[in-house]
Amino acid sequence: RAGVADIDIIRAIARRAFPATYRDILSPEQLAYM
C-alpha cells in the first residue's frame, strides 16, 4: 500500500506510463492538462 510519502514514486511512474498510454489518443495540450 502506498501513502503520501510515495507520491514522488507515483509521479515518476506516471510521467512514463500516462503519456505512453495516451499520446496517440489525446492532444499534447490535453495530456499536459490531465
PDB file of all heavy atoms in Angstrom:
ATOM      1  N   ARG A   1       0.840  -1.197   0.000  1.00  0.00           N
ATOM      2  CA  ARG A   1       0.000   0.000   0.000  1.00  0.00           C
ATOM      3  C   ARG A   1       0.878   1.251   0.000  1.00  0.00           C
ATOM      4  O   ARG A   1       1.937   1.287   0.641  1.00  0.00           O
ATOM      5  CB  ARG A   1      -0.913   0.001   1.220  1.00  0.00           C
ATOM      6  CG  ARG A   1      -1.899   1.155   1.224  1.00  0.00           C
ATOM      7  CD  ARG A   1      -3.046   0.896   2.170  1.00  0.00           C
ATOM      8  NE  ARG A   1      -3.917   2.053   2.289  1.00  0.00           N
ATOM      9  CZ  ARG A   1      -5.088   2.052   2.909  1.00  0.00           C
ATOM     10  NH1 ARG A   1      -5.528   0.939   3.478  1.00  0.00           N
ATOM     11  NH2 ARG A   1      -5.838   3.144   2.970  1.00  0.00           N
ATOM     12  N   ALA A   2       0.465   2.251  -0.750  1.00  0.00           N
ATOM     13  CA  ALA A   2       1.226   3.492  -0.869  1.00  0.00           C
ATOM     14  C   ALA A   2       0.545   4.598  -0.089  1.00  0.00           C
ATOM     15  O   ALA A   2      -0.675   4.584   0.117  1.00  0.00           O
ATOM     16  CB  ALA A   2       1.357   3.896  -2.339  1.00  0.00           C
ATOM     17  N   GLY A   3       1.348   5.563   0.340  1.00  0.00           N
ATOM     18  CA  GLY A   3       0.833   6.715   1.068  1.00  0.00           C
ATOM     19  C   GLY A   3       1.440   8.005   0.564  1.00  0.00           C
ATOM     20  O   GLY A   3       2.113   8.034  -0.478  1.00  0.00           O
ATOM     21  N   VAL A   4       1.230   9.070   1.308  1.00  0.00           N
ATOM     22  CA  VAL A   4       1.710  10.392   0.907  1.00  0.00           C
ATOM     23  C   VAL A   4       3.220  10.375   0.670  1.00  0.00           C
ATOM     24  O   VAL A   4       3.728  11.036  -0.241  1.00  0.00           O
ATOM     25  CB  VAL A   4       1.318  11.440   1.967  1.00  0.00           C
ATOM     26  CG1 VAL A   4       2.005  12.770   1.707  1.00  0.00           C
ATOM     27  CG2 VAL A   4      -0.202  11.621   1.987  1.00  0.00           C
ATOM     28  N   ALA A   5       3.954   9.605   1.461  1.00  0.00           N
ATOM     29  CA  ALA A   5       5.406   9.543   1.312  1.00  0.00           C
ATOM     30  C   ALA A   5       5.825   8.955  -0.037  1.00  0.00           C
ATOM     31  O   ALA A   5       6.988   9.105  -0.436  1.00  0.00           O
ATOM     32  CB  ALA A   5       6.020   8.728   2.446  1.00  0.00           C
ATOM     33  N   ASP A   6       4.899   8.294  -0.733  1.00  0.00           N
ATOM     34  CA  ASP A   6       5.209   7.651  -2.014  1.00  0.00           C
ATOM     35  C   ASP A   6       4.759   8.474  -3.220  1.00  0.00           C
ATOM     36  O   ASP A   6       4.837   7.992  -4.360  1.00  0.00           O
ATOM     37  CB  ASP A   6       4.536   6.277  -2.084  1.00  0.00           C
ATOM     38  CG  ASP A   6       5.020   5.350  -0.984  1.00  0.00           C
ATOM     39  OD1 ASP A   6       6.241   5.110  -0.920  1.00  0.00           O
ATOM     40  OD2 ASP A   6       4.173   4.883  -0.198  1.00  0.00           O
ATOM     41  N   ILE A   7       4.299   9.687  -2.998  1.00  0.00           N
ATOM     42  CA  ILE A   7       3.780  10.498  -4.100  1.00  0.00           C
ATOM     43  C   ILE A   7       4.826  10.696  -5.191  1.00  0.00           C
ATOM     44  O   ILE A   7       4.526  10.604  -6.391  1.00  0.00           O
ATOM     45  CB  ILE A   7       3.236  11.842  -3.582  1.00  0.00           C
ATOM     46  CG1 ILE A   7       1.856  11.628  -2.943  1.00  0.00           C
ATOM     47  CG2 ILE A   7       3.155  12.891  -4.703  1.00  0.00           C
ATOM     48  CD1 ILE A   7       1.256  12.873  -2.314  1.00  0.00           C
ATOM     49  N   ASP A   8       6.066  10.943  -4.828  1.00  0.00           N
ATOM     50  CA  ASP A   8       7.111  11.142  -5.840  1.00  0.00           C
ATOM     51  C   ASP A   8       7.307   9.885  -6.685  1.00  0.00           C
ATOM     52  O   ASP A   8       7.583   9.984  -7.888  1.00  0.00           O
ATOM     53  CB  ASP A   8       8.429  11.539  -5.180  1.00  0.00           C
ATOM     54  CG  ASP A   8       8.433  12.980  -4.693  1.00  0.00           C
ATOM     55  OD1 ASP A   8       7.531  13.747  -5.080  1.00  0.00           O
ATOM     56  OD2 ASP A   8       9.342  13.341  -3.921  1.00  0.00           O
ATOM     57  N   ILE A   9       7.172   8.707  -6.071  1.00  0.00           N
ATOM     58  CA  ILE A   9       7.306   7.456  -6.825  1.00  0.00           C
ATOM     59  C   ILE A   9       6.161   7.318  -7.825  1.00  0.00           C
ATOM     60  O   ILE A   9       6.362   6.977  -8.999  1.00  0.00           O
ATOM     61  CB  ILE A   9       7.328   6.252  -5.866  1.00  0.00           C
ATOM     62  CG1 ILE A   9       8.557   6.311  -4.971  1.00  0.00           C
ATOM     63  CG2 ILE A   9       7.291   4.940  -6.646  1.00  0.00           C
ATOM     64  CD1 ILE A   9       8.608   5.222  -3.913  1.00  0.00           C
ATOM     65  N   ILE A  10       4.936   7.588  -7.372  1.00  0.00           N
ATOM     66  CA  ILE A  10       3.778   7.503  -8.259  1.00  0.00           C
ATOM     67  C   ILE A  10       3.920   8.487  -9.418  1.00  0.00           C
ATOM     68  O   ILE A  10       3.676   8.153 -10.586  1.00  0.00           O
ATOM     69  CB  ILE A  10       2.477   7.762  -7.471  1.00  0.00           C
ATOM     70  CG1 ILE A  10       2.258   6.648  -6.446  1.00  0.00           C
ATOM     71  CG2 ILE A  10       1.274   7.889  -8.409  1.00  0.00           C
ATOM     72  CD1 ILE A  10       1.170   6.937  -5.433  1.00  0.00           C
ATOM     73  N   ARG A  11       4.349   9.690  -9.119  1.00  0.00           N
ATOM     74  CA  ARG A  11       4.509  10.693 -10.174  1.00  0.00           C
ATOM     75  C   ARG A  11       5.587  10.285 -11.174  1.00  0.00           C
ATOM     76  O   ARG A  11       5.438  10.510 -12.377  1.00  0.00           O
ATOM     77  CB  ARG A  11       4.845  12.048  -9.554  1.00  0.00           C
ATOM     78  CG  ARG A  11       3.721  12.632  -8.691  1.00  0.00           C
ATOM     79  CD  ARG A  11       4.086  14.013  -8.182  1.00  0.00           C
ATOM     80  NE  ARG A  11       4.044  14.994  -9.265  1.00  0.00           N
ATOM     81  CZ  ARG A  11       4.654  16.163  -9.240  1.00  0.00           C
ATOM     82  NH1 ARG A  11       5.394  16.492  -8.187  1.00  0.00           N
ATOM     83  NH2 ARG A  11       4.542  16.986 -10.242  1.00  0.00           N
ATOM     84  N   ALA A  12       6.651   9.679 -10.696  1.00  0.00           N
ATOM     85  CA  ALA A  12       7.724   9.253 -11.600  1.00  0.00           C
ATOM     86  C   ALA A  12       7.224   8.169 -12.565  1.00  0.00           C
ATOM     87  O   ALA A  12       7.543   8.200 -13.767  1.00  0.00           O
ATOM     88  CB  ALA A  12       8.917   8.744 -10.802  1.00  0.00           C
ATOM     89  N   ILE A  13       6.444   7.212 -12.054  1.00  0.00           N
ATOM     90  CA  ILE A  13       5.880   6.185 -12.943  1.00  0.00           C
ATOM     91  C   ILE A  13       4.894   6.817 -13.916  1.00  0.00           C
ATOM     92  O   ILE A  13       4.890   6.510 -15.119  1.00  0.00           O
ATOM     93  CB  ILE A  13       5.192   5.083 -12.121  1.00  0.00           C
ATOM     94  CG1 ILE A  13       6.190   4.393 -11.191  1.00  0.00           C
ATOM     95  CG2 ILE A  13       4.537   4.050 -13.051  1.00  0.00           C
ATOM     96  CD1 ILE A  13       5.549   3.446 -10.191  1.00  0.00           C
ATOM     97  N   ALA A  14       4.047   7.710 -13.413  1.00  0.00           N
ATOM     98  CA  ALA A  14       3.029   8.353 -14.254  1.00  0.00           C
ATOM     99  C   ALA A  14       3.650   9.141 -15.391  1.00  0.00           C
ATOM    100  O   ALA A  14       3.102   9.179 -16.505  1.00  0.00           O
ATOM    101  CB  ALA A  14       2.138   9.259 -13.406  1.00  0.00           C
ATOM    102  N   ARG A  15       4.775   9.779 -15.153  1.00  0.00           N
ATOM    103  CA  ARG A  15       5.418  10.572 -16.207  1.00  0.00           C
ATOM    104  C   ARG A  15       5.822   9.708 -17.392  1.00  0.00           C
ATOM    105  O   ARG A  15       5.939  10.215 -18.515  1.00  0.00           O
ATOM    106  CB  ARG A  15       6.630  11.310 -15.647  1.00  0.00           C
ATOM    107  CG  ARG A  15       6.262  12.575 -14.871  1.00  0.00           C
ATOM    108  CD  ARG A  15       7.470  13.447 -14.606  1.00  0.00           C
ATOM    109  NE  ARG A  15       8.395  12.846 -13.654  1.00  0.00           N
ATOM    110  CZ  ARG A  15       8.348  13.043 -12.332  1.00  0.00           C
ATOM    111  NH1 ARG A  15       7.403  13.827 -11.814  1.00  0.00           N
ATOM    112  NH2 ARG A  15       9.232  12.476 -11.536  1.00  0.00           N
ATOM    113  N   ARG A  16       6.017   8.412 -17.155  1.00  0.00           N
ATOM    114  CA  ARG A  16       6.338   7.499 -18.256  1.00  0.00           C
ATOM    115  C   ARG A  16       5.086   6.793 -18.771  1.00  0.00           C
ATOM    116  O   ARG A  16       4.884   6.667 -19.977  1.00  0.00           O
ATOM    117  CB  ARG A  16       7.354   6.456 -17.791  1.00  0.00           C
ATOM    118  CG  ARG A  16       8.668   7.045 -17.302  1.00  0.00           C
ATOM    119  CD  ARG A  16       9.756   5.999 -17.281  1.00  0.00           C
ATOM    120  NE  ARG A  16      10.047   5.537 -18.624  1.00  0.00           N
ATOM    121  CZ  ARG A  16      10.600   4.359 -18.903  1.00  0.00           C
ATOM    122  NH1 ARG A  16      10.897   3.523 -17.931  1.00  0.00           N
ATOM    123  NH2 ARG A  16      10.843   4.010 -20.153  1.00  0.00           N
ATOM    124  N   ALA A  17       4.251   6.324 -17.853  1.00  0.00           N
ATOM    125  CA  ALA A  17       3.135   5.463 -18.239  1.00  0.00           C
ATOM    126  C   ALA A  17       1.982   6.227 -18.884  1.00  0.00           C
ATOM    127  O   ALA A  17       1.408   5.764 -19.873  1.00  0.00           O
ATOM    128  CB  ALA A  17       2.630   4.699 -17.021  1.00  0.00           C
ATOM    129  N   PHE A  18       1.628   7.385 -18.327  1.00  0.00           N
ATOM    130  CA  PHE A  18       0.437   8.087 -18.804  1.00  0.00           C
ATOM    131  C   PHE A  18       0.612   8.612 -20.235  1.00  0.00           C
ATOM    132  O   PHE A  18      -0.228   8.339 -21.099  1.00  0.00           O
ATOM    133  CB  PHE A  18       0.077   9.209 -17.833  1.00  0.00           C
ATOM    134  CG  PHE A  18      -1.306   9.758 -18.038  1.00  0.00           C
ATOM    135  CD1 PHE A  18      -2.408   9.082 -17.534  1.00  0.00           C
ATOM    136  CD2 PHE A  18      -1.511  10.935 -18.732  1.00  0.00           C
ATOM    137  CE1 PHE A  18      -3.701   9.586 -17.723  1.00  0.00           C
ATOM    138  CE2 PHE A  18      -2.787  11.436 -18.923  1.00  0.00           C
ATOM    139  CZ  PHE A  18      -3.883  10.762 -18.424  1.00  0.00           C
ATOM    140  N   PRO A  19       1.705   9.328 -20.551  1.00  0.00           N
ATOM    141  CA  PRO A  19       1.877   9.772 -21.941  1.00  0.00           C
ATOM    142  C   PRO A  19       2.007   8.607 -22.922  1.00  0.00           C
ATOM    143  O   PRO A  19       1.502   8.686 -24.053  1.00  0.00           O
ATOM    144  CB  PRO A  19       3.162  10.603 -21.888  1.00  0.00           C
ATOM    145  CG  PRO A  19       3.276  11.046 -20.472  1.00  0.00           C
ATOM    146  CD  PRO A  19       2.741   9.897 -19.668  1.00  0.00           C
ATOM    147  N   ALA A  20       2.657   7.518 -22.511  1.00  0.00           N
ATOM    148  CA  ALA A  20       2.791   6.366 -23.403  1.00  0.00           C
ATOM    149  C   ALA A  20       1.433   5.757 -23.737  1.00  0.00           C
ATOM    150  O   ALA A  20       1.216   5.252 -24.841  1.00  0.00           O
ATOM    151  CB  ALA A  20       3.689   5.314 -22.761  1.00  0.00           C
ATOM    152  N   THR A  21       0.504   5.832 -22.792  1.00  0.00           N
ATOM    153  CA  THR A  21      -0.833   5.282 -22.998  1.00  0.00           C
ATOM    154  C   THR A  21      -1.671   6.153 -23.923  1.00  0.00           C
ATOM    155  O   THR A  21      -2.432   5.643 -24.767  1.00  0.00           O
ATOM    156  CB  THR A  21      -1.556   5.124 -21.651  1.00  0.00           C
ATOM    157  OG1 THR A  21      -0.797   4.261 -20.807  1.00  0.00           O
ATOM    158  CG2 THR A  21      -2.965   4.560 -21.834  1.00  0.00           C
ATOM    159  N   TYR A  22      -1.529   7.468 -23.810  1.00  0.00           N
ATOM    160  CA  TYR A  22      -2.478   8.376 -24.462  1.00  0.00           C
ATOM    161  C   TYR A  22      -1.907   9.258 -25.567  1.00  0.00           C
ATOM    162  O   TYR A  22      -2.643  10.047 -26.151  1.00  0.00           O
ATOM    163  CB  TYR A  22      -3.136   9.266 -23.395  1.00  0.00           C
ATOM    164  CG  TYR A  22      -4.033   8.500 -22.475  1.00  0.00           C
ATOM    165  CD1 TYR A  22      -3.646   8.228 -21.157  1.00  0.00           C
ATOM    166  CD2 TYR A  22      -5.261   8.000 -22.907  1.00  0.00           C
ATOM    167  CE1 TYR A  22      -4.464   7.512 -20.303  1.00  0.00           C
ATOM    168  CE2 TYR A  22      -6.090   7.289 -22.066  1.00  0.00           C
ATOM    169  CZ  TYR A  22      -5.684   7.039 -20.767  1.00  0.00           C
ATOM    170  OH  TYR A  22      -6.495   6.323 -19.933  1.00  0.00           O
ATOM    171  N   ARG A  23      -0.628   9.104 -25.901  1.00  0.00           N
ATOM    172  CA  ARG A  23      -0.047  10.026 -26.880  1.00  0.00           C
ATOM    173  C   ARG A  23      -0.707   9.927 -28.253  1.00  0.00           C
ATOM    174  O   ARG A  23      -0.704  10.904 -29.013  1.00  0.00           O
ATOM    175  CB  ARG A  23       1.461   9.810 -27.000  1.00  0.00           C
ATOM    176  CG  ARG A  23       1.892   8.476 -27.553  1.00  0.00           C
ATOM    177  CD  ARG A  23       3.387   8.504 -27.934  1.00  0.00           C
ATOM    178  NE  ARG A  23       4.218   8.919 -26.849  1.00  0.00           N
ATOM    179  CZ  ARG A  23       4.925   8.100 -26.060  1.00  0.00           C
ATOM    180  NH1 ARG A  23       4.843   6.779 -26.280  1.00  0.00           N
ATOM    181  NH2 ARG A  23       5.679   8.557 -25.099  1.00  0.00           N
ATOM    182  N   ASP A  24      -1.272   8.755 -28.583  1.00  0.00           N
ATOM    183  CA  ASP A  24      -1.947   8.597 -29.876  1.00  0.00           C
ATOM    184  C   ASP A  24      -3.454   8.812 -29.771  1.00  0.00           C
ATOM    185  O   ASP A  24      -4.171   8.639 -30.769  1.00  0.00           O
ATOM    186  CB  ASP A  24      -1.662   7.204 -30.450  1.00  0.00           C
ATOM    187  CG  ASP A  24      -0.195   6.995 -30.780  1.00  0.00           C
ATOM    188  OD1 ASP A  24       0.464   7.974 -31.170  1.00  0.00           O
ATOM    189  OD2 ASP A  24       0.288   5.849 -30.639  1.00  0.00           O
ATOM    190  N   ILE A  25      -3.934   9.176 -28.588  1.00  0.00           N
ATOM    191  CA  ILE A  25      -5.374   9.347 -28.367  1.00  0.00           C
ATOM    192  C   ILE A  25      -5.720  10.801 -28.047  1.00  0.00           C
ATOM    193  O   ILE A  25      -6.709  11.339 -28.554  1.00  0.00           O
ATOM    194  CB  ILE A  25      -5.846   8.428 -27.220  1.00  0.00           C
ATOM    195  CG1 ILE A  25      -5.603   6.950 -27.581  1.00  0.00           C
ATOM    196  CG2 ILE A  25      -7.327   8.664 -26.903  1.00  0.00           C
ATOM    197  CD1 ILE A  25      -5.898   5.982 -26.438  1.00  0.00           C
ATOM    198  N   LEU A  26      -4.905  11.443 -27.214  1.00  0.00           N
ATOM    199  CA  LEU A  26      -5.175  12.801 -26.751  1.00  0.00           C
ATOM    200  C   LEU A  26      -4.173  13.782 -27.345  1.00  0.00           C
ATOM    201  O   LEU A  26      -3.056  13.407 -27.709  1.00  0.00           O
ATOM    202  CB  LEU A  26      -5.099  12.863 -25.215  1.00  0.00           C
ATOM    203  CG  LEU A  26      -5.989  11.881 -24.443  1.00  0.00           C
ATOM    204  CD1 LEU A  26      -5.723  12.022 -22.948  1.00  0.00           C
ATOM    205  CD2 LEU A  26      -7.455  12.106 -24.751  1.00  0.00           C
ATOM    206  N   SER A  27      -4.578  15.037 -27.408  1.00  0.00           N
ATOM    207  CA  SER A  27      -3.667  16.083 -27.868  1.00  0.00           C
ATOM    208  C   SER A  27      -2.583  16.327 -26.824  1.00  0.00           C
ATOM    209  O   SER A  27      -2.782  16.046 -25.633  1.00  0.00           O
ATOM    210  CB  SER A  27      -4.432  17.378 -28.113  1.00  0.00           C
ATOM    211  OG  SER A  27      -4.891  17.918 -26.876  1.00  0.00           O
ATOM    212  N   PRO A  28      -1.424  16.849 -27.229  1.00  0.00           N
ATOM    213  CA  PRO A  28      -0.389  17.189 -26.243  1.00  0.00           C
ATOM    214  C   PRO A  28      -0.903  18.139 -25.165  1.00  0.00           C
ATOM    215  O   PRO A  28      -0.505  18.034 -24.002  1.00  0.00           O
ATOM    216  CB  PRO A  28       0.702  17.841 -27.098  1.00  0.00           C
ATOM    217  CG  PRO A  28       0.514  17.260 -28.461  1.00  0.00           C
ATOM    218  CD  PRO A  28      -0.966  17.080 -28.606  1.00  0.00           C
ATOM    219  N   GLU A  29      -1.808  19.046 -25.558  1.00  0.00           N
ATOM    220  CA  GLU A  29      -2.350  20.007 -24.600  1.00  0.00           C
ATOM    221  C   GLU A  29      -3.213  19.305 -23.555  1.00  0.00           C
ATOM    222  O   GLU A  29      -3.121  19.608 -22.357  1.00  0.00           O
ATOM    223  CB  GLU A  29      -3.162  21.078 -25.326  1.00  0.00           C
ATOM    224  CG  GLU A  29      -2.356  21.984 -26.237  1.00  0.00           C
ATOM    225  CD  GLU A  29      -1.998  21.348 -27.566  1.00  0.00           C
ATOM    226  OE1 GLU A  29      -2.588  20.291 -27.916  1.00  0.00           O
ATOM    227  OE2 GLU A  29      -1.109  21.894 -28.261  1.00  0.00           O
ATOM    228  N   GLN A  30      -4.045  18.357 -23.999  1.00  0.00           N
ATOM    229  CA  GLN A  30      -4.876  17.645 -23.031  1.00  0.00           C
ATOM    230  C   GLN A  30      -4.025  16.722 -22.160  1.00  0.00           C
ATOM    231  O   GLN A  30      -4.300  16.578 -20.957  1.00  0.00           O
ATOM    232  CB  GLN A  30      -5.974  16.839 -23.726  1.00  0.00           C
ATOM    233  CG  GLN A  30      -6.905  16.146 -22.732  1.00  0.00           C
ATOM    234  CD  GLN A  30      -8.210  15.680 -23.325  1.00  0.00           C
ATOM    235  OE1 GLN A  30      -8.552  16.051 -24.451  1.00  0.00           O
ATOM    236  NE2 GLN A  30      -8.959  14.870 -22.597  1.00  0.00           N
ATOM    237  N   LEU A  31      -3.005  16.108 -22.739  1.00  0.00           N
ATOM    238  CA  LEU A  31      -2.108  15.274 -21.940  1.00  0.00           C
ATOM    239  C   LEU A  31      -1.475  16.081 -20.808  1.00  0.00           C
ATOM    240  O   LEU A  31      -1.450  15.645 -19.653  1.00  0.00           O
ATOM    241  CB  LEU A  31      -1.004  14.688 -22.825  1.00  0.00           C
ATOM    242  CG  LEU A  31      -1.234  13.305 -23.418  1.00  0.00           C
ATOM    243  CD1 LEU A  31      -0.102  12.951 -24.374  1.00  0.00           C
ATOM    244  CD2 LEU A  31      -1.344  12.266 -22.326  1.00  0.00           C
ATOM    245  N   ALA A  32      -0.962  17.262 -21.157  1.00  0.00           N
ATOM    246  CA  ALA A  32      -0.311  18.103 -20.143  1.00  0.00           C
ATOM    247  C   ALA A  32      -1.311  18.528 -19.076  1.00  0.00           C
ATOM    248  O   ALA A  32      -0.995  18.527 -17.872  1.00  0.00           O
ATOM    249  CB  ALA A  32       0.325  19.322 -20.812  1.00  0.00           C
ATOM    250  N   TYR A  33      -2.522  18.882 -19.508  1.00  0.00           N
ATOM    251  CA  TYR A  33      -3.554  19.305 -18.553  1.00  0.00           C
ATOM    252  C   TYR A  33      -3.914  18.165 -17.602  1.00  0.00           C
ATOM    253  O   TYR A  33      -4.001  18.360 -16.374  1.00  0.00           O
ATOM    254  CB  TYR A  33      -4.798  19.759 -19.319  1.00  0.00           C
ATOM    255  CG  TYR A  33      -5.975  20.108 -18.428  1.00  0.00           C
ATOM    256  CD1 TYR A  33      -6.044  21.344 -17.787  1.00  0.00           C
ATOM    257  CD2 TYR A  33      -7.007  19.193 -18.219  1.00  0.00           C
ATOM    258  CE1 TYR A  33      -7.117  21.658 -16.960  1.00  0.00           C
ATOM    259  CE2 TYR A  33      -8.079  19.496 -17.400  1.00  0.00           C
ATOM    260  CZ  TYR A  33      -8.130  20.735 -16.772  1.00  0.00           C
ATOM    261  OH  TYR A  33      -9.191  21.037 -15.956  1.00  0.00           O
ATOM    262  N   MET A  34      -4.089  16.955 -18.155  1.00  0.00           N
ATOM    263  CA  MET A  34      -4.510  15.836 -17.309  1.00  0.00           C
ATOM    264  C   MET A  34      -3.391  15.372 -16.374  1.00  0.00           C
ATOM    265  O   MET A  34      -3.658  14.931 -15.253  1.00  0.00           O
ATOM    266  CB  MET A  34      -5.002  14.677 -18.188  1.00  0.00           C
ATOM    267  CG  MET A  34      -6.307  14.994 -18.909  1.00  0.00           C
ATOM    268  SD  MET A  34      -6.985  13.604 -19.860  1.00  0.00           S
ATOM    269  CE  MET A  34      -7.505  12.499 -18.528  1.00  0.00           C
TER     270      MET A  34
END
